[in-house]
Amino acid sequence: MFHLESGDTMSGPTKKDQKRIWNCFSLAVGAEPRDDHIIRGASGLDHLVQSISVDDKHGRVVIVASEPNPRTAALMQVDIQATMPDLNVLVARPVVFDLGVIARQIAATLGGAEFSLEQFKQLAARVDSSKTGKRKKKLDRDIEALLGPTMRVFSNVALPGLTQLVDVIQQAAYLDWQQIFSNSTERPENPTFSFAKLTEIDNLAIDRKHGVCPIPLYEFTEQDWELFSQGTRIEEAEQRLKALGVYEYFFPAPDELALGIVERGIRDDKAVREIIERAPHIGHPLGSNTLVPEITALPDLLTQLAEAGYVAEGEHRVETTTKGEKVRQTIKFRPKEGVFQRIINRITIKASVNASARDLLPPH
């Protein structure tokens, strides 16, 4: 029933294919690829990664992890960073499966996130009867839309299959299993099943929380894979990463950064400017504005945002407006949001360490 479209293959990617894909990714975010795929951390552990690249201009190392677990990827970043005190280590993590996305697509198709056993039987009957003709073609298109992007990931990059399976199982834990088993017992003749909790999954949230850049490979189209596999159209690859909300993790837009900082409760305009100025020093050189015209002086940035209606002077100095909050809603669930938390984390940790150090000093 399900088939891959012409040009797809399940034979698996060659090392040469993968190298071109990750080399293209690295060049698109401003880093020069290296041939190594193992890097040792301060712990003495060797970390197997998809790619390592170096951005000499901005003093940073960009690593594409092989880890399916965002927390492990974050710990790997800390472990490697400890061996490179003069550089900034940035970690991106490829994400293959997102059951939340699939569940939301299924719910939209079914008109809800709950179905009964009888409804499932009826659906199965319709599938069984769709052997030929237009109904079969439509069914194939529907399944292709759900599973095709993930299937194409494995035909283009080699990620550890078993660990990816574990990741799917962890996501499946969001299902309301108690409700499923309870309904099966109470209504054995026609139990109902709900996957509503699965539709609420934000599978990239943990990456962003720990300052890791998730790469949603399940959003890559056939054209994307062709683009990155060719490895020569770097500017086009850069534009595609911008559309996916990945590029700005490596080169954050100052105006988006300011808006996100204000939303996080940092209301003083001087503090906002200081945080933005700090970003390049921890591996995130500033990119181009996306909300307001380009300006050269950071002190003018909040003024520009205020004039455009994104922020306003409130009781507690600067605060986001309704327009600003709407923009943030379109940004905060994208990979680039990880840069906000990474910057805030680094500043918070530094402040905590300095405070602890002062506590250790003897009284005058």
Protein backbone atom coordinates (compact mmCIF):
# COMPACT_ATOMS: atom_id res chain seq x y z
CA MET A 1 0.00 0.00 0.00
CA PHE A 2 2.66 2.51 1.04
CA HIS A 3 5.36 3.20 -1.49
CA LEU A 4 8.24 5.61 -1.77
CA GLU A 5 8.12 7.99 -4.67
CA SER A 6 10.50 7.61 -7.57
CA GLY A 7 14.04 8.54 -6.70
CA ASP A 8 13.73 7.32 -3.10
CA THR A 9 15.66 4.30 -1.94
CA MET A 10 15.72 2.23 1.19
CA SER A 11 19.14 0.74 0.46
CA GLY A 12 20.68 3.26 2.83
CA PRO A 13 22.98 6.21 2.24
CA THR A 14 26.62 5.80 1.32
CA LYS A 15 29.33 7.45 3.40
CA LYS A 16 29.98 9.78 0.47
CA ASP A 17 26.32 10.82 0.35
CA GLN A 18 26.23 11.52 4.08
CA LYS A 19 29.47 13.47 3.94
CA ARG A 20 28.05 15.77 1.26
CA ILE A 21 24.84 16.32 3.25
CA TRP A 22 26.54 17.25 6.52
CA ASN A 23 29.30 19.18 4.75
CA CYS A 24 26.60 21.26 3.07
CA PHE A 25 24.89 21.82 6.41
CA SER A 26 28.17 22.90 8.02
CA LEU A 27 29.07 25.31 5.22
CA ALA A 28 25.54 26.78 5.32
CA VAL A 29 26.05 27.73 8.99
CA GLY A 30 29.50 29.17 8.36
CA ALA A 31 31.80 26.32 9.39
CA GLU A 32 34.44 24.30 7.52
CA PRO A 33 33.90 20.51 7.69
CA ARG A 34 36.51 18.15 9.10
CA ASP A 35 36.92 14.46 8.33
CA ASP A 36 36.75 13.25 11.93
CA HIS A 37 33.64 11.56 13.31
CA ILE A 38 34.87 10.86 16.84
CA ILE A 39 35.70 13.54 19.39
CA ARG A 40 36.91 13.02 22.94
CA GLY A 41 35.52 14.95 25.89
CA ALA A 42 37.09 15.96 29.19
CA SER A 43 35.60 12.83 30.75
CA GLY A 44 37.77 10.69 28.51
CA LEU A 45 34.73 9.40 26.63
CA ASP A 46 34.85 9.25 22.84
CA HIS A 47 31.71 10.70 21.26
CA LEU A 48 30.66 9.35 17.87
CA VAL A 49 29.10 12.19 15.87
CA GLN A 50 27.67 12.80 12.42
CA SER A 51 30.04 15.65 11.64
CA ILE A 52 32.56 18.09 13.09
CA SER A 53 33.21 21.49 11.55
CA VAL A 54 35.17 24.58 12.60
CA ASP A 55 34.28 28.24 12.22
CA ASP A 56 37.67 29.94 12.62
CA LYS A 57 36.23 33.42 12.02
CA HIS A 58 33.94 33.24 15.05
CA GLY A 59 35.98 30.83 17.17
CA ARG A 60 33.49 27.97 17.35
CA VAL A 61 33.16 24.27 16.68
CA VAL A 62 29.89 22.95 15.26
CA ILE A 63 29.04 19.33 16.04
CA VAL A 64 26.14 17.37 14.57
CA ALA A 65 25.42 14.70 17.17
CA SER A 66 24.31 11.13 16.63
CA GLU A 67 22.46 11.10 19.94
CA PRO A 68 18.68 10.52 19.89
CA ASN A 69 18.40 11.89 23.43
CA PRO A 70 18.55 15.69 23.83
CA ARG A 71 19.84 15.55 27.42
CA THR A 72 22.71 13.28 26.37
CA ALA A 73 23.51 15.66 23.51
CA ALA A 74 23.59 18.57 25.99
CA LEU A 75 25.93 16.65 28.32
CA MET A 76 28.13 15.81 25.35
CA GLN A 77 28.36 19.52 24.55
CA VAL A 78 29.53 20.29 28.09
CA ASP A 79 32.03 17.40 28.02
CA ILE A 80 33.58 18.55 24.73
CA GLN A 81 33.47 22.24 25.64
CA ALA A 82 35.64 21.50 28.69
CA THR A 83 38.46 20.45 26.35
CA MET A 84 38.24 23.64 24.27
CA PRO A 85 38.23 26.64 26.66
CA ASP A 86 39.23 29.07 23.90
CA LEU A 87 36.44 28.01 21.52
CA ASN A 88 32.67 27.75 21.71
CA VAL A 89 31.18 24.32 21.06
CA LEU A 90 27.73 24.28 19.50
CA VAL A 91 25.76 21.05 19.16
CA ALA A 92 22.97 20.29 16.69
CA ARG A 93 20.91 17.10 17.03
CA PRO A 94 19.13 15.48 14.06
CA VAL A 95 15.53 14.55 14.94
CA VAL A 96 13.98 11.77 12.88
CA PHE A 97 10.67 10.94 14.54
CA ASP A 98 8.07 13.28 15.97
CA LEU A 99 4.98 11.39 17.05
CA GLY A 100 3.42 14.68 18.09
CA VAL A 101 3.49 15.95 14.51
CA ILE A 102 2.14 12.64 13.18
CA ALA A 103 -0.58 12.53 15.86
CA ARG A 104 -1.70 16.07 15.02
CA GLN A 105 -1.89 15.17 11.34
CA ILE A 106 -3.94 12.05 12.08
CA ALA A 107 -6.25 13.99 14.40
CA ALA A 108 -6.82 16.58 11.66
CA THR A 109 -7.66 13.81 9.18
CA LEU A 110 -9.99 11.93 11.56
CA GLY A 111 -11.56 15.08 12.98
CA GLY A 112 -10.41 14.31 16.51
CA ALA A 113 -7.93 12.45 18.69
CA GLU A 114 -10.31 9.74 19.91
CA PHE A 115 -11.73 6.71 18.15
CA SER A 116 -13.53 3.50 19.07
CA LEU A 117 -12.70 -0.07 18.15
CA GLU A 118 -15.71 -0.10 15.84
CA GLN A 119 -14.47 3.02 14.06
CA PHE A 120 -11.06 1.43 13.69
CA LYS A 121 -12.64 -1.69 12.15
CA GLN A 122 -14.58 0.47 9.71
CA LEU A 123 -11.40 2.31 8.75
CA ALA A 124 -9.57 -0.99 8.27
CA ALA A 125 -12.42 -2.20 6.07
CA ARG A 126 -12.18 0.90 3.91
CA VAL A 127 -8.44 0.43 3.63
CA ASP A 128 -8.93 -3.20 2.64
CA SER A 129 -11.46 -2.22 -0.02
CA SER A 130 -9.13 0.40 -1.46
CA LYS A 131 -7.17 -2.02 -3.60
CA THR A 132 -7.39 -0.04 -6.82
CA GLY A 133 -8.59 3.23 -8.23
CA LYS A 134 -8.80 6.74 -6.84
CA ARG A 135 -9.36 5.68 -3.22
CA LYS A 136 -6.12 3.72 -3.22
CA LYS A 137 -4.21 6.63 -4.69
CA LYS A 138 -5.64 8.99 -2.07
CA LEU A 139 -4.80 6.52 0.69
CA ASP A 140 -1.25 6.21 -0.60
CA ARG A 141 -0.92 9.99 -0.64
CA ASP A 142 -2.21 10.24 2.93
CA ILE A 143 0.22 7.61 4.20
CA GLU A 144 3.05 9.14 2.21
CA ALA A 145 2.33 12.50 3.87
CA LEU A 146 2.48 10.87 7.32
CA LEU A 147 5.41 8.47 6.95
CA GLY A 148 7.25 9.54 3.81
CA PRO A 149 9.40 12.27 5.40
CA THR A 150 10.67 9.95 8.14
CA MET A 151 11.30 7.10 5.70
CA ARG A 152 13.35 9.45 3.54
CA VAL A 153 15.56 10.39 6.50
CA PHE A 154 16.85 6.83 6.74
CA SER A 155 17.47 6.71 3.02
CA ASN A 156 19.71 9.77 3.23
CA VAL A 157 21.53 9.72 6.58
CA ALA A 158 22.69 6.85 8.77
CA LEU A 159 21.54 7.28 12.36
CA PRO A 160 21.62 4.47 14.94
CA GLY A 161 18.39 2.54 14.32
CA LEU A 162 18.02 1.02 17.79
CA THR A 163 18.47 4.33 19.59
CA GLN A 164 15.97 5.97 17.27
CA LEU A 165 13.49 3.22 18.15
CA VAL A 166 14.04 3.94 21.85
CA ASP A 167 13.26 7.58 21.13
CA VAL A 168 9.92 6.59 19.57
CA ILE A 169 9.08 4.43 22.58
CA GLN A 170 9.85 7.34 24.91
CA GLN A 171 7.53 9.58 22.93
CA ALA A 172 4.83 6.89 22.95
CA ALA A 173 4.91 7.06 26.75
CA TYR A 174 2.86 10.25 26.42
CA LEU A 175 -0.14 8.14 25.42
CA ASP A 176 -2.76 7.81 28.14
CA TRP A 177 -2.20 4.08 28.63
CA GLN A 178 -4.28 4.01 31.83
CA GLN A 179 -7.29 5.31 29.91
CA ILE A 180 -6.69 2.84 27.09
CA PHE A 181 -6.51 -0.17 29.41
CA SER A 182 -9.42 1.09 31.50
CA ASN A 183 -11.68 1.43 28.47
CA SER A 184 -10.63 -1.99 27.23
CA THR A 185 -11.79 -3.47 30.54
CA GLU A 186 -14.94 -1.43 31.06
CA ARG A 187 -16.18 -1.56 27.48
CA PRO A 188 -14.69 -4.70 25.97
CA GLU A 189 -17.30 -4.80 23.19
CA ASN A 190 -16.35 -1.36 21.79
CA PRO A 191 -13.57 0.37 23.76
CA THR A 192 -12.48 3.90 22.87
CA PHE A 193 -8.90 5.02 22.51
CA SER A 194 -7.52 8.52 22.84
CA PHE A 195 -4.18 9.85 21.61
CA ALA A 196 -4.94 13.44 22.65
CA LYS A 197 -1.86 13.63 24.92
CA LEU A 198 0.30 12.59 22.00
CA THR A 199 -0.94 15.60 20.02
CA GLU A 200 0.38 17.87 22.78
CA ILE A 201 4.01 16.67 22.48
CA ASP A 202 6.60 19.34 21.77
CA ASN A 203 9.39 16.97 20.83
CA LEU A 204 11.99 19.71 20.42
CA ALA A 205 11.34 21.36 23.80
CA ILE A 206 14.10 19.57 25.72
CA ASP A 207 16.69 20.44 23.07
CA ARG A 208 15.75 24.10 23.24
CA LYS A 209 15.70 24.05 27.05
CA HIS A 210 19.30 22.80 27.16
CA GLY A 211 20.56 25.06 24.37
CA VAL A 212 20.93 22.32 21.75
CA CYS A 213 19.83 23.01 18.17
CA PRO A 214 17.38 20.32 16.99
CA ILE A 215 17.34 19.65 13.24
CA PRO A 216 13.81 18.49 12.28
CA LEU A 217 14.80 16.11 9.49
CA TYR A 218 11.17 14.92 9.31
CA GLU A 219 10.39 18.32 7.76
CA PHE A 220 12.87 17.81 4.91
CA THR A 221 11.26 17.39 1.50
CA GLU A 222 12.63 15.44 -1.45
CA GLN A 223 13.88 18.73 -2.83
CA ASP A 224 15.70 19.45 0.45
CA TRP A 225 17.50 16.12 0.37
CA GLU A 226 18.50 16.73 -3.24
CA LEU A 227 19.77 20.19 -2.32
CA PHE A 228 21.89 19.01 0.61
CA SER A 229 23.06 15.87 -1.21
CA GLN A 230 24.46 17.94 -4.05
CA GLY A 231 26.41 19.95 -1.50
CA THR A 232 27.21 22.82 -3.86
CA ARG A 233 24.28 25.25 -3.57
CA ILE A 234 25.30 26.61 -0.18
CA GLU A 235 23.29 29.85 -0.33
CA GLU A 236 20.12 27.89 -1.14
CA ALA A 237 20.85 25.52 1.73
CA GLU A 238 21.27 28.53 4.02
CA GLN A 239 17.89 29.90 2.94
CA ARG A 240 16.24 26.54 3.55
CA LEU A 241 17.73 26.35 7.06
CA LYS A 242 16.32 29.82 7.69
CA ALA A 243 12.87 28.62 6.62
CA LEU A 244 13.18 25.68 9.04
CA GLY A 245 14.18 28.00 11.89
CA VAL A 246 17.62 26.37 12.21
CA TYR A 247 20.00 28.97 10.77
CA GLU A 248 19.15 31.66 13.34
CA TYR A 249 20.39 29.38 16.13
CA PHE A 250 23.89 29.94 14.71
CA PHE A 251 23.32 33.58 13.70
CA PRO A 252 20.46 34.92 15.86
CA ALA A 253 18.52 37.94 14.64
CA PRO A 254 19.11 40.79 17.12
CA ASP A 255 15.49 41.95 17.01
CA GLU A 256 14.09 38.44 17.64
CA LEU A 257 16.66 37.99 20.38
CA ALA A 258 15.61 41.25 22.04
CA LEU A 259 11.94 40.30 21.84
CA GLY A 260 12.60 36.89 23.36
CA ILE A 261 14.67 38.34 26.19
CA VAL A 262 11.96 40.88 27.03
CA GLU A 263 9.33 38.13 26.99
CA ARG A 264 11.41 36.17 29.49
CA GLY A 265 10.94 38.96 32.00
CA ILE A 266 14.18 40.89 31.54
CA ARG A 267 12.59 44.32 31.28
CA ASP A 268 15.49 46.72 31.66
CA ASP A 269 16.64 48.00 28.27
CA LYS A 270 20.28 48.15 29.38
CA ALA A 271 20.19 44.51 30.51
CA VAL A 272 18.61 43.50 27.19
CA ARG A 273 21.40 45.21 25.25
CA GLU A 274 24.09 43.62 27.43
CA ILE A 275 22.67 40.14 26.83
CA ILE A 276 22.53 40.68 23.07
CA GLU A 277 26.10 42.00 23.10
CA ARG A 278 27.13 38.88 25.00
CA ALA A 279 25.75 36.48 22.37
CA PRO A 280 28.75 36.58 19.97
CA HIS A 281 31.12 35.85 22.85
CA ILE A 282 29.44 32.50 23.55
CA GLY A 283 29.37 31.36 19.93
CA HIS A 284 26.34 33.10 18.45
CA PRO A 285 27.42 35.99 16.21
CA LEU A 286 24.50 38.23 15.39
CA GLY A 287 22.72 37.84 12.07
CA SER A 288 20.29 40.15 10.31
CA ASN A 289 17.12 41.60 11.75
CA THR A 290 13.87 39.98 10.66
CA LEU A 291 11.26 42.24 12.27
CA VAL A 292 12.61 45.79 11.96
CA PRO A 293 15.02 47.55 9.57
CA GLU A 294 18.73 46.95 9.98
CA ILE A 295 20.42 49.28 12.44
CA THR A 296 24.02 49.57 13.55
CA ALA A 297 23.57 50.67 17.15
CA LEU A 298 22.00 48.24 19.62
CA PRO A 299 20.62 51.03 21.83
CA ASP A 300 18.30 51.92 18.94
CA LEU A 301 16.97 48.36 18.63
CA LEU A 302 14.31 48.53 21.34
CA THR A 303 13.22 51.92 20.00
CA GLN A 304 12.74 50.36 16.57
CA LEU A 305 10.79 47.48 18.08
CA ALA A 306 8.62 49.93 20.02
CA GLU A 307 7.92 52.00 16.90
CA ALA A 308 6.94 48.82 15.04
CA GLY A 309 4.56 47.88 17.86
CA TYR A 310 6.39 44.80 19.22
CA VAL A 311 7.34 46.23 22.63
CA ALA A 312 6.09 49.09 24.80
CA GLU A 313 7.06 50.99 27.91
CA GLY A 314 5.04 49.48 30.73
CA GLU A 315 4.88 49.59 34.50
CA HIS A 316 7.99 47.43 34.68
CA ARG A 317 9.95 49.21 31.93
CA VAL A 318 9.92 47.32 28.61
CA GLU A 319 7.33 44.63 27.92
CA THR A 320 5.99 42.78 24.89
CA THR A 321 2.78 43.93 23.22
CA THR A 322 0.05 41.73 21.74
CA LYS A 323 1.80 42.03 18.39
CA GLY A 324 5.09 41.00 19.96
CA GLU A 325 3.51 38.01 21.70
CA LYS A 326 1.99 36.87 18.40
CA VAL A 327 5.40 36.94 16.74
CA ARG A 328 6.91 35.02 19.63
CA GLN A 329 4.31 32.28 19.23
CA THR A 330 5.57 31.64 15.70
CA ILE A 331 9.19 31.56 16.88
CA LYS A 332 9.31 29.84 20.25
CA PHE A 333 8.63 26.32 18.98
CA ARG A 334 11.30 26.42 16.29
CA PRO A 335 14.90 25.14 16.61
CA LYS A 336 16.36 28.65 16.74
CA GLU A 337 14.65 29.16 20.09
CA GLY A 338 17.44 27.08 21.63
CA VAL A 339 19.80 30.04 21.30
CA PHE A 340 17.64 32.13 23.65
CA GLN A 341 17.85 29.56 26.41
CA ARG A 342 21.53 28.88 25.82
CA ILE A 343 22.40 32.55 26.25
CA ILE A 344 20.19 32.92 29.32
CA ASN A 345 21.62 29.69 30.80
CA ARG A 346 25.21 30.84 30.32
CA ILE A 347 24.54 34.23 31.90
CA THR A 348 22.61 32.68 34.80
CA ILE A 349 25.33 30.10 35.45
CA LYS A 350 28.04 32.77 35.36
CA ALA A 351 26.09 34.93 37.79
CA SER A 352 25.54 31.95 40.12
CA VAL A 353 29.22 31.00 40.03
CA ASN A 354 30.30 34.56 40.78
CA ALA A 355 27.85 34.77 43.67
CA SER A 356 29.08 31.43 45.06
CA ALA A 357 32.67 32.58 44.77
CA ARG A 358 31.88 35.71 46.76
CA ASP A 359 30.30 33.57 49.47
CA LEU A 360 33.57 31.66 49.81
CA LEU A 361 35.64 34.81 50.36
CA PRO A 362 36.52 35.59 54.00
CA PRO A 363 34.80 38.66 55.50
CA HIS A 364 36.79 41.90 55.45
